[in-house]
Amino acid sequence: MTMAIEGKVALVTGGGQGIGRAIALRLAQDGADIAVVDVNADRAQAVADEVRAHGRSATAFVADVADRDQVYAAVDHAEAALGGFDIMVNNAGIAQVDPISAATPDDVRAILGVNVEGVLWGIQAAAKKLAARRNPGPIRGKIINASSIAGHDGFALLGVYSATKFAVRALTQAAAKEYAADGITVNAYCPGVVGTDMWVTIDERFAELTGAPKGATYEKFVDGILLGRAETPDDVAGFVSYLAGPDSDYMTGQSGLIDGGLVFR
């Protein structure tokens, strides 16, 4: 059986854990070679080793996506180390849980740097590389961005986080319009309540702010999911696999919800 993206090179930011790790491993399973980019060298290397265990080539690179130069360097490294460049997954992100009234300039700068600027620099660097390479075929490359259900609905105590994820949707739409003529599609994935360390942190912070017992906020959100269970990183990775593969070649500018039935658009 031919794998969907066999021989392609994919870069995944925030690839050292959680959703990013699942995406890296799924794309490797689909036949891609993977550049794992993370701020933590040990985590990135560990996932790169897992990719190699799946029989694909991999490289690990340390970068803070809030730093434009580091993102460009990561893309250059992926091409040099793996011999190509086809797919960019701008997955890295951070969460903040606070009332709007408590947001500070430092808080806002930190989350904008990763969640918005990180995606912007990733789009820039990937589009420049893909346009220069002129990969064969009508679709010469794919850029895939991490948004969220919070990019479709603003959530209380997640106001600034929600704003960053709305911004990712806007960047996705604008980039799709700008780069279509270059044969580059740009889409986003919007997960819901995923059982990762990020949601553990969110739940703990909700408990501090609201007095709810630990675990109660997580359970409340999960109870609202129509399919009756929390999302797994593999659920998200399956959708990203679709966006990375040929079956989504006629799709661009979209931010698809993959949340088990929680937010509807």
C-alpha atoms as a PDB file:
ATOM      1  CA  MET A   1       0.000   0.000   0.000  1.00  0.00           C
ATOM      2  CA  THR A   2       1.361   3.410  -0.960  1.00  0.00           C
ATOM      3  CA  MET A   3       1.562   5.758   2.006  1.00  0.00           C
ATOM      4  CA  ALA A   4      -0.195   9.091   1.555  1.00  0.00           C
ATOM      5  CA  ILE A   5       2.828  11.376   1.832  1.00  0.00           C
ATOM      6  CA  GLU A   6       5.657   8.956   1.228  1.00  0.00           C
ATOM      7  CA  GLY A   7       8.961  10.744   0.692  1.00  0.00           C
ATOM      8  CA  LYS A   8       7.688  14.159   1.772  1.00  0.00           C
ATOM      9  CA  VAL A   9       9.474  16.219   4.412  1.00  0.00           C
ATOM     10  CA  ALA A  10       7.379  17.679   7.230  1.00  0.00           C
ATOM     11  CA  LEU A  11       8.398  20.063  10.012  1.00  0.00           C
ATOM     12  CA  VAL A  12       6.382  20.051  13.238  1.00  0.00           C
ATOM     13  CA  THR A  13       6.866  22.833  15.792  1.00  0.00           C
ATOM     14  CA  GLY A  14       6.158  21.958  19.397  1.00  0.00           C
ATOM     15  CA  GLY A  15       6.839  18.424  18.255  1.00  0.00           C
ATOM     16  CA  GLY A  16       8.435  17.229  21.466  1.00  0.00           C
ATOM     17  CA  GLN A  17       5.274  16.352  23.363  1.00  0.00           C
ATOM     18  CA  GLY A  18       1.485  16.129  23.350  1.00  0.00           C
ATOM     19  CA  ILE A  19      -0.316  16.905  20.103  1.00  0.00           C
ATOM     20  CA  GLY A  20       2.917  17.785  18.319  1.00  0.00           C
ATOM     21  CA  ARG A  21       4.463  14.414  19.118  1.00  0.00           C
ATOM     22  CA  ALA A  22       1.337  12.609  17.908  1.00  0.00           C
ATOM     23  CA  ILE A  23       1.381  14.614  14.669  1.00  0.00           C
ATOM     24  CA  ALA A  24       5.054  13.860  14.064  1.00  0.00           C
ATOM     25  CA  LEU A  25       4.524  10.134  14.581  1.00  0.00           C
ATOM     26  CA  ARG A  26       1.371  10.000  12.450  1.00  0.00           C
ATOM     27  CA  LEU A  27       3.022  11.816   9.544  1.00  0.00           C
ATOM     28  CA  ALA A  28       5.960   9.421   9.836  1.00  0.00           C
ATOM     29  CA  GLN A  29       3.501   6.522   9.713  1.00  0.00           C
ATOM     30  CA  ASP A  30       2.078   8.112   6.555  1.00  0.00           C
ATOM     31  CA  GLY A  31       5.530   8.018   4.978  1.00  0.00           C
ATOM     32  CA  ALA A  32       7.030  11.442   5.699  1.00  0.00           C
ATOM     33  CA  ASP A  33      10.456  12.270   7.042  1.00  0.00           C
ATOM     34  CA  ILE A  34      10.148  14.558  10.052  1.00  0.00           C
ATOM     35  CA  ALA A  35      11.920  17.592  11.463  1.00  0.00           C
ATOM     36  CA  VAL A  36      10.951  17.780  15.125  1.00  0.00           C
ATOM     37  CA  VAL A  37      11.262  21.358  16.407  1.00  0.00           C
ATOM     38  CA  ASP A  38      10.840  22.167  20.081  1.00  0.00           C
ATOM     39  CA  VAL A  39      12.249  24.487  22.759  1.00  0.00           C
ATOM     40  CA  ASN A  40      13.340  21.399  24.701  1.00  0.00           C
ATOM     41  CA  ALA A  41      16.252  19.548  23.092  1.00  0.00           C
ATOM     42  CA  ASP A  42      15.736  16.274  24.961  1.00  0.00           C
ATOM     43  CA  ARG A  43      12.059  16.058  24.057  1.00  0.00           C
ATOM     44  CA  ALA A  44      12.730  16.864  20.422  1.00  0.00           C
ATOM     45  CA  GLN A  45      15.450  14.230  20.202  1.00  0.00           C
ATOM     46  CA  ALA A  46      13.276  11.605  21.871  1.00  0.00           C
ATOM     47  CA  VAL A  47      10.491  12.101  19.317  1.00  0.00           C
ATOM     48  CA  ALA A  48      13.001  12.098  16.457  1.00  0.00           C
ATOM     49  CA  ASP A  49      14.213   8.724  17.761  1.00  0.00           C
ATOM     50  CA  GLU A  50      10.624   7.448  17.774  1.00  0.00           C
ATOM     51  CA  VAL A  51      10.211   8.586  14.161  1.00  0.00           C
ATOM     52  CA  ARG A  52      13.351   6.673  13.180  1.00  0.00           C
ATOM     53  CA  ALA A  53      11.932   3.596  14.909  1.00  0.00           C
ATOM     54  CA  HIS A  54       9.027   3.860  12.423  1.00  0.00           C
ATOM     55  CA  GLY A  55      11.554   3.553   9.618  1.00  0.00           C
ATOM     56  CA  ARG A  56      11.602   7.210   8.571  1.00  0.00           C
ATOM     57  CA  SER A  57      14.395   9.767   8.642  1.00  0.00           C
ATOM     58  CA  ALA A  58      14.218  12.437  11.339  1.00  0.00           C
ATOM     59  CA  THR A  59      16.104  15.402  12.698  1.00  0.00           C
ATOM     60  CA  ALA A  60      15.685  17.391  15.906  1.00  0.00           C
ATOM     61  CA  PHE A  61      16.131  21.145  16.100  1.00  0.00           C
ATOM     62  CA  VAL A  62      15.808  23.505  19.061  1.00  0.00           C
ATOM     63  CA  ALA A  63      13.938  26.745  18.379  1.00  0.00           C
ATOM     64  CA  ASP A  64      11.720  29.270  20.123  1.00  0.00           C
ATOM     65  CA  VAL A  65       8.991  29.976  17.586  1.00  0.00           C
ATOM     66  CA  ALA A  66       8.551  33.494  18.950  1.00  0.00           C
ATOM     67  CA  ASP A  67      11.977  34.281  17.446  1.00  0.00           C
ATOM     68  CA  ARG A  68      11.656  34.828  13.697  1.00  0.00           C
ATOM     69  CA  ASP A  69      15.290  34.046  12.937  1.00  0.00           C
ATOM     70  CA  GLN A  70      15.082  30.743  14.811  1.00  0.00           C
ATOM     71  CA  VAL A  71      12.006  29.675  12.832  1.00  0.00           C
ATOM     72  CA  TYR A  72      13.725  30.459   9.528  1.00  0.00           C
ATOM     73  CA  ALA A  73      16.774  28.538  10.753  1.00  0.00           C
ATOM     74  CA  ALA A  74      14.579  25.543  11.611  1.00  0.00           C
ATOM     75  CA  VAL A  75      13.122  25.459   8.108  1.00  0.00           C
ATOM     76  CA  ASP A  76      16.581  25.732   6.533  1.00  0.00           C
ATOM     77  CA  HIS A  77      17.802  22.943   8.803  1.00  0.00           C
ATOM     78  CA  ALA A  78      14.900  20.665   7.860  1.00  0.00           C
ATOM     79  CA  GLU A  79      15.642  21.061   4.149  1.00  0.00           C
ATOM     80  CA  ALA A  80      19.385  20.561   4.587  1.00  0.00           C
ATOM     81  CA  ALA A  81      19.095  17.576   6.933  1.00  0.00           C
ATOM     82  CA  LEU A  82      16.273  15.739   5.176  1.00  0.00           C
ATOM     83  CA  GLY A  83      16.790  16.744   1.553  1.00  0.00           C
ATOM     84  CA  GLY A  84      13.507  18.500   0.926  1.00  0.00           C
ATOM     85  CA  PHE A  85      10.656  20.530   2.355  1.00  0.00           C
ATOM     86  CA  ASP A  86       6.950  19.986   1.730  1.00  0.00           C
ATOM     87  CA  ILE A  87       4.790  20.390   4.848  1.00  0.00           C
ATOM     88  CA  MET A  88       4.896  22.914   7.701  1.00  0.00           C
ATOM     89  CA  VAL A  89       2.877  22.222  10.848  1.00  0.00           C
ATOM     90  CA  ASN A  90       2.816  25.321  13.055  1.00  0.00           C
ATOM     91  CA  ASN A  91       1.722  23.414  16.140  1.00  0.00           C
ATOM     92  CA  ALA A  92       3.586  25.116  19.020  1.00  0.00           C
ATOM     93  CA  GLY A  93       1.349  26.986  21.438  1.00  0.00           C
ATOM     94  CA  ILE A  94       0.867  27.976  25.044  1.00  0.00           C
ATOM     95  CA  ALA A  95      -2.221  28.620  27.170  1.00  0.00           C
ATOM     96  CA  GLN A  96      -2.975  31.253  29.787  1.00  0.00           C
ATOM     97  CA  VAL A  97      -5.920  31.100  32.172  1.00  0.00           C
ATOM     98  CA  ASP A  98      -6.860  34.444  33.717  1.00  0.00           C
ATOM     99  CA  PRO A  99      -9.716  36.921  33.720  1.00  0.00           C
ATOM    100  CA  ILE A 100      -9.331  39.682  31.163  1.00  0.00           C
ATOM    101  CA  SER A 101      -8.930  42.178  34.000  1.00  0.00           C
ATOM    102  CA  ALA A 102      -5.780  40.380  35.189  1.00  0.00           C
ATOM    103  CA  ALA A 103      -3.909  40.332  31.868  1.00  0.00           C
ATOM    104  CA  THR A 104      -0.565  42.102  32.032  1.00  0.00           C
ATOM    105  CA  PRO A 105       1.603  43.427  29.201  1.00  0.00           C
ATOM    106  CA  ASP A 106       4.153  40.678  29.861  1.00  0.00           C
ATOM    107  CA  ASP A 107       1.456  37.987  29.766  1.00  0.00           C
ATOM    108  CA  VAL A 108       0.081  39.286  26.499  1.00  0.00           C
ATOM    109  CA  ARG A 109       3.476  39.635  24.870  1.00  0.00           C
ATOM    110  CA  ALA A 110       4.396  36.069  25.867  1.00  0.00           C
ATOM    111  CA  ILE A 111       1.295  34.393  24.449  1.00  0.00           C
ATOM    112  CA  LEU A 112       1.185  36.553  21.318  1.00  0.00           C
ATOM    113  CA  GLY A 113       4.839  35.715  20.706  1.00  0.00           C
ATOM    114  CA  VAL A 114       4.236  31.972  20.604  1.00  0.00           C
ATOM    115  CA  ASN A 115       0.643  31.589  19.429  1.00  0.00           C
ATOM    116  CA  VAL A 116       0.441  34.364  16.841  1.00  0.00           C
ATOM    117  CA  GLU A 117       3.949  35.459  15.909  1.00  0.00           C
ATOM    118  CA  GLY A 118       5.138  31.851  15.969  1.00  0.00           C
ATOM    119  CA  VAL A 119       2.493  30.930  13.402  1.00  0.00           C
ATOM    120  CA  LEU A 120       3.216  34.045  11.346  1.00  0.00           C
ATOM    121  CA  TRP A 121       6.964  33.361  11.207  1.00  0.00           C
ATOM    122  CA  GLY A 122       6.245  29.728  10.364  1.00  0.00           C
ATOM    123  CA  ILE A 123       3.971  30.725   7.490  1.00  0.00           C
ATOM    124  CA  GLN A 124       6.555  33.200   6.210  1.00  0.00           C
ATOM    125  CA  ALA A 125       9.505  30.841   6.400  1.00  0.00           C
ATOM    126  CA  ALA A 126       7.643  27.878   4.929  1.00  0.00           C
ATOM    127  CA  ALA A 127       6.069  29.842   2.084  1.00  0.00           C
ATOM    128  CA  LYS A 128       9.416  31.357   1.142  1.00  0.00           C
ATOM    129  CA  LYS A 129      11.051  27.938   1.106  1.00  0.00           C
ATOM    130  CA  LEU A 130       8.225  26.253  -0.782  1.00  0.00           C
ATOM    131  CA  ALA A 131       8.045  28.982  -3.420  1.00  0.00           C
ATOM    132  CA  ALA A 132      11.803  28.800  -3.954  1.00  0.00           C
ATOM    133  CA  ARG A 133      11.856  24.984  -4.201  1.00  0.00           C
ATOM    134  CA  ARG A 134       8.991  24.825  -6.714  1.00  0.00           C
ATOM    135  CA  ASN A 135       8.144  21.252  -5.751  1.00  0.00           C
ATOM    136  CA  PRO A 136       6.452  19.338  -8.590  1.00  0.00           C
ATOM    137  CA  GLY A 137       2.692  19.179  -8.981  1.00  0.00           C
ATOM    138  CA  PRO A 138      -0.180  21.649  -8.757  1.00  0.00           C
ATOM    139  CA  ILE A 139       0.044  21.576  -4.959  1.00  0.00           C
ATOM    140  CA  ARG A 140       3.674  22.290  -4.129  1.00  0.00           C
ATOM    141  CA  GLY A 141       3.387  22.506  -0.377  1.00  0.00           C
ATOM    142  CA  LYS A 142       1.113  22.616   2.639  1.00  0.00           C
ATOM    143  CA  ILE A 143       1.061  24.892   5.666  1.00  0.00           C
ATOM    144  CA  ILE A 144      -1.036  23.689   8.596  1.00  0.00           C
ATOM    145  CA  ASN A 145      -1.663  25.867  11.662  1.00  0.00           C
ATOM    146  CA  ALA A 146      -2.885  25.138  15.190  1.00  0.00           C
ATOM    147  CA  SER A 147      -6.017  27.035  16.121  1.00  0.00           C
ATOM    148  CA  SER A 148      -8.598  25.767  18.646  1.00  0.00           C
ATOM    149  CA  ILE A 149     -12.253  25.629  19.541  1.00  0.00           C
ATOM    150  CA  ALA A 150     -11.259  28.864  21.309  1.00  0.00           C
ATOM    151  CA  GLY A 151     -10.618  30.280  17.844  1.00  0.00           C
ATOM    152  CA  HIS A 152     -14.339  29.876  17.117  1.00  0.00           C
ATOM    153  CA  ASP A 153     -15.809  30.704  20.545  1.00  0.00           C
ATOM    154  CA  GLY A 154     -14.264  33.018  23.120  1.00  0.00           C
ATOM    155  CA  PHE A 155     -14.151  31.301  26.515  1.00  0.00           C
ATOM    156  CA  ALA A 156     -14.343  32.980  29.922  1.00  0.00           C
ATOM    157  CA  LEU A 157     -10.949  33.030  31.690  1.00  0.00           C
ATOM    158  CA  LEU A 158      -9.347  32.196  28.342  1.00  0.00           C
ATOM    159  CA  GLY A 159      -9.923  35.580  26.732  1.00  0.00           C
ATOM    160  CA  VAL A 160      -6.397  36.377  25.586  1.00  0.00           C
ATOM    161  CA  TYR A 161      -5.768  32.766  24.570  1.00  0.00           C
ATOM    162  CA  SER A 162      -9.006  32.830  22.568  1.00  0.00           C
ATOM    163  CA  ALA A 163      -7.900  36.043  20.860  1.00  0.00           C
ATOM    164  CA  THR A 164      -4.665  34.404  19.738  1.00  0.00           C
ATOM    165  CA  LYS A 165      -6.522  31.467  18.255  1.00  0.00           C
ATOM    166  CA  PHE A 166      -8.973  33.744  16.429  1.00  0.00           C
ATOM    167  CA  ALA A 167      -5.868  35.455  15.032  1.00  0.00           C
ATOM    168  CA  VAL A 168      -4.575  32.118  13.730  1.00  0.00           C
ATOM    169  CA  ARG A 169      -7.796  31.699  11.777  1.00  0.00           C
ATOM    170  CA  ALA A 170      -7.331  35.150  10.245  1.00  0.00           C
ATOM    171  CA  LEU A 171      -3.721  34.425   9.305  1.00  0.00           C
ATOM    172  CA  THR A 172      -4.797  31.105   7.807  1.00  0.00           C
ATOM    173  CA  GLN A 173      -7.410  32.752   5.603  1.00  0.00           C
ATOM    174  CA  ALA A 174      -5.139  35.582   4.498  1.00  0.00           C
ATOM    175  CA  ALA A 175      -2.193  33.283   3.797  1.00  0.00           C
ATOM    176  CA  ALA A 176      -4.389  30.926   1.778  1.00  0.00           C
ATOM    177  CA  LYS A 177      -5.361  33.846  -0.466  1.00  0.00           C
ATOM    178  CA  GLU A 178      -1.791  35.104  -0.802  1.00  0.00           C
ATOM    179  CA  TYR A 179      -0.101  31.778  -1.540  1.00  0.00           C
ATOM    180  CA  ALA A 180      -2.648  29.885  -3.644  1.00  0.00           C
ATOM    181  CA  ALA A 181      -0.971  31.092  -6.846  1.00  0.00           C
ATOM    182  CA  ASP A 182       2.255  29.456  -5.634  1.00  0.00           C
ATOM    183  CA  GLY A 183       0.533  26.103  -5.222  1.00  0.00           C
ATOM    184  CA  ILE A 184       0.566  26.312  -1.424  1.00  0.00           C
ATOM    185  CA  THR A 185      -2.504  25.453   0.635  1.00  0.00           C
ATOM    186  CA  VAL A 186      -2.953  26.867   4.128  1.00  0.00           C
ATOM    187  CA  ASN A 187      -5.387  25.345   6.606  1.00  0.00           C
ATOM    188  CA  ALA A 188      -5.802  25.081  10.384  1.00  0.00           C
ATOM    189  CA  TYR A 189      -6.992  22.471  12.839  1.00  0.00           C
ATOM    190  CA  CYS A 190      -9.105  23.371  15.865  1.00  0.00           C
ATOM    191  CA  PRO A 191      -8.942  20.795  18.666  1.00  0.00           C
ATOM    192  CA  GLY A 192     -11.162  20.770  21.721  1.00  0.00           C
ATOM    193  CA  VAL A 193     -10.492  19.217  25.117  1.00  0.00           C
ATOM    194  CA  VAL A 194      -7.395  17.097  24.610  1.00  0.00           C
ATOM    195  CA  GLY A 195      -5.917  14.946  27.376  1.00  0.00           C
ATOM    196  CA  THR A 196      -2.469  16.592  27.435  1.00  0.00           C
ATOM    197  CA  ASP A 197      -0.296  18.424  29.955  1.00  0.00           C
ATOM    198  CA  MET A 198      -1.713  21.712  28.667  1.00  0.00           C
ATOM    199  CA  TRP A 199      -5.200  20.742  29.794  1.00  0.00           C
ATOM    200  CA  VAL A 200      -3.901  19.614  33.171  1.00  0.00           C
ATOM    201  CA  THR A 201      -2.467  23.104  33.610  1.00  0.00           C
ATOM    202  CA  ILE A 202      -5.686  24.753  32.417  1.00  0.00           C
ATOM    203  CA  ASP A 203      -7.752  22.683  34.839  1.00  0.00           C
ATOM    204  CA  GLU A 204      -5.446  23.478  37.767  1.00  0.00           C
ATOM    205  CA  ARG A 205      -5.601  27.188  37.021  1.00  0.00           C
ATOM    206  CA  PHE A 206      -9.408  27.106  36.763  1.00  0.00           C
ATOM    207  CA  ALA A 207      -9.440  25.425  40.187  1.00  0.00           C
ATOM    208  CA  GLU A 208      -7.323  28.241  41.641  1.00  0.00           C
ATOM    209  CA  LEU A 209      -9.528  30.970  40.175  1.00  0.00           C
ATOM    210  CA  THR A 210     -12.986  29.459  40.704  1.00  0.00           C
ATOM    211  CA  GLY A 211     -12.561  27.217  43.741  1.00  0.00           C
ATOM    212  CA  ALA A 212     -13.659  24.179  41.757  1.00  0.00           C
ATOM    213  CA  PRO A 213     -11.999  20.898  42.728  1.00  0.00           C
ATOM    214  CA  LYS A 214      -9.091  19.813  40.568  1.00  0.00           C
ATOM    215  CA  GLY A 215     -10.396  17.837  37.632  1.00  0.00           C
ATOM    216  CA  ALA A 216     -13.871  19.377  37.785  1.00  0.00           C
ATOM    217  CA  THR A 217     -13.385  21.873  34.957  1.00  0.00           C
ATOM    218  CA  TYR A 218     -11.890  19.220  32.708  1.00  0.00           C
ATOM    219  CA  GLU A 219     -14.783  16.875  33.490  1.00  0.00           C
ATOM    220  CA  LYS A 220     -17.320  19.651  32.857  1.00  0.00           C
ATOM    221  CA  PHE A 221     -15.936  20.313  29.388  1.00  0.00           C
ATOM    222  CA  VAL A 222     -15.708  16.602  28.593  1.00  0.00           C
ATOM    223  CA  ASP A 223     -19.319  16.096  29.693  1.00  0.00           C
ATOM    224  CA  GLY A 224     -20.343  18.537  26.945  1.00  0.00           C
ATOM    225  CA  ILE A 225     -18.726  16.490  24.151  1.00  0.00           C
ATOM    226  CA  LEU A 226     -21.313  14.668  22.058  1.00  0.00           C
ATOM    227  CA  LEU A 227     -19.094  11.666  21.395  1.00  0.00           C
ATOM    228  CA  GLY A 228     -18.788  11.111  25.125  1.00  0.00           C
ATOM    229  CA  ARG A 229     -15.040  11.163  25.722  1.00  0.00           C
ATOM    230  CA  ALA A 230     -12.063  13.465  25.877  1.00  0.00           C
ATOM    231  CA  GLU A 231     -10.025  13.976  22.738  1.00  0.00           C
ATOM    232  CA  THR A 232      -6.678  12.243  22.327  1.00  0.00           C
ATOM    233  CA  PRO A 233      -3.603  13.637  20.555  1.00  0.00           C
ATOM    234  CA  ASP A 234      -4.067  10.858  17.994  1.00  0.00           C
ATOM    235  CA  ASP A 235      -7.541  12.199  17.170  1.00  0.00           C
ATOM    236  CA  VAL A 236      -5.963  15.531  16.261  1.00  0.00           C
ATOM    237  CA  ALA A 237      -3.096  13.893  14.393  1.00  0.00           C
ATOM    238  CA  GLY A 238      -5.534  11.981  12.201  1.00  0.00           C
ATOM    239  CA  PHE A 239      -7.082  15.239  11.004  1.00  0.00           C
ATOM    240  CA  VAL A 240      -3.668  16.825  10.445  1.00  0.00           C
ATOM    241  CA  SER A 241      -2.765  13.741   8.406  1.00  0.00           C
ATOM    242  CA  TYR A 242      -5.720  14.511   6.142  1.00  0.00           C
ATOM    243  CA  LEU A 243      -4.660  18.147   5.808  1.00  0.00           C
ATOM    244  CA  ALA A 244      -1.091  17.062   4.970  1.00  0.00           C
ATOM    245  CA  GLY A 245      -2.125  14.473   2.407  1.00  0.00           C
ATOM    246  CA  PRO A 246      -3.456  14.581  -1.158  1.00  0.00           C
ATOM    247  CA  ASP A 247      -7.114  14.117  -0.204  1.00  0.00           C
ATOM    248  CA  SER A 248      -7.190  17.735   1.028  1.00  0.00           C
ATOM    249  CA  ASP A 249      -5.568  19.230  -2.092  1.00  0.00           C
ATOM    250  CA  TYR A 250      -8.771  21.142  -2.946  1.00  0.00           C
ATOM    251  CA  MET A 251      -9.089  22.630   0.535  1.00  0.00           C
ATOM    252  CA  THR A 252      -7.493  25.906   1.594  1.00  0.00           C
ATOM    253  CA  GLY A 253      -8.178  28.772   3.997  1.00  0.00           C
ATOM    254  CA  GLN A 254     -10.240  26.601   6.330  1.00  0.00           C
ATOM    255  CA  SER A 255     -10.027  26.111  10.100  1.00  0.00           C
ATOM    256  CA  GLY A 256     -11.657  22.768  10.779  1.00  0.00           C
ATOM    257  CA  LEU A 257     -13.097  21.799  14.137  1.00  0.00           C
ATOM    258  CA  ILE A 258     -11.970  18.405  15.421  1.00  0.00           C
ATOM    259  CA  ASP A 259     -13.517  18.310  18.888  1.00  0.00           C
ATOM    260  CA  GLY A 260     -15.898  15.352  19.146  1.00  0.00           C
ATOM    261  CA  GLY A 261     -18.949  17.603  18.932  1.00  0.00           C
ATOM    262  CA  LEU A 262     -18.478  20.547  21.275  1.00  0.00           C
ATOM    263  CA  VAL A 263     -18.479  23.726  19.175  1.00  0.00           C
ATOM    264  CA  PHE A 264     -20.525  23.941  15.970  1.00  0.00           C
ATOM    265  CA  ARG A 265     -20.008  26.125  12.899  1.00  0.00           C
END
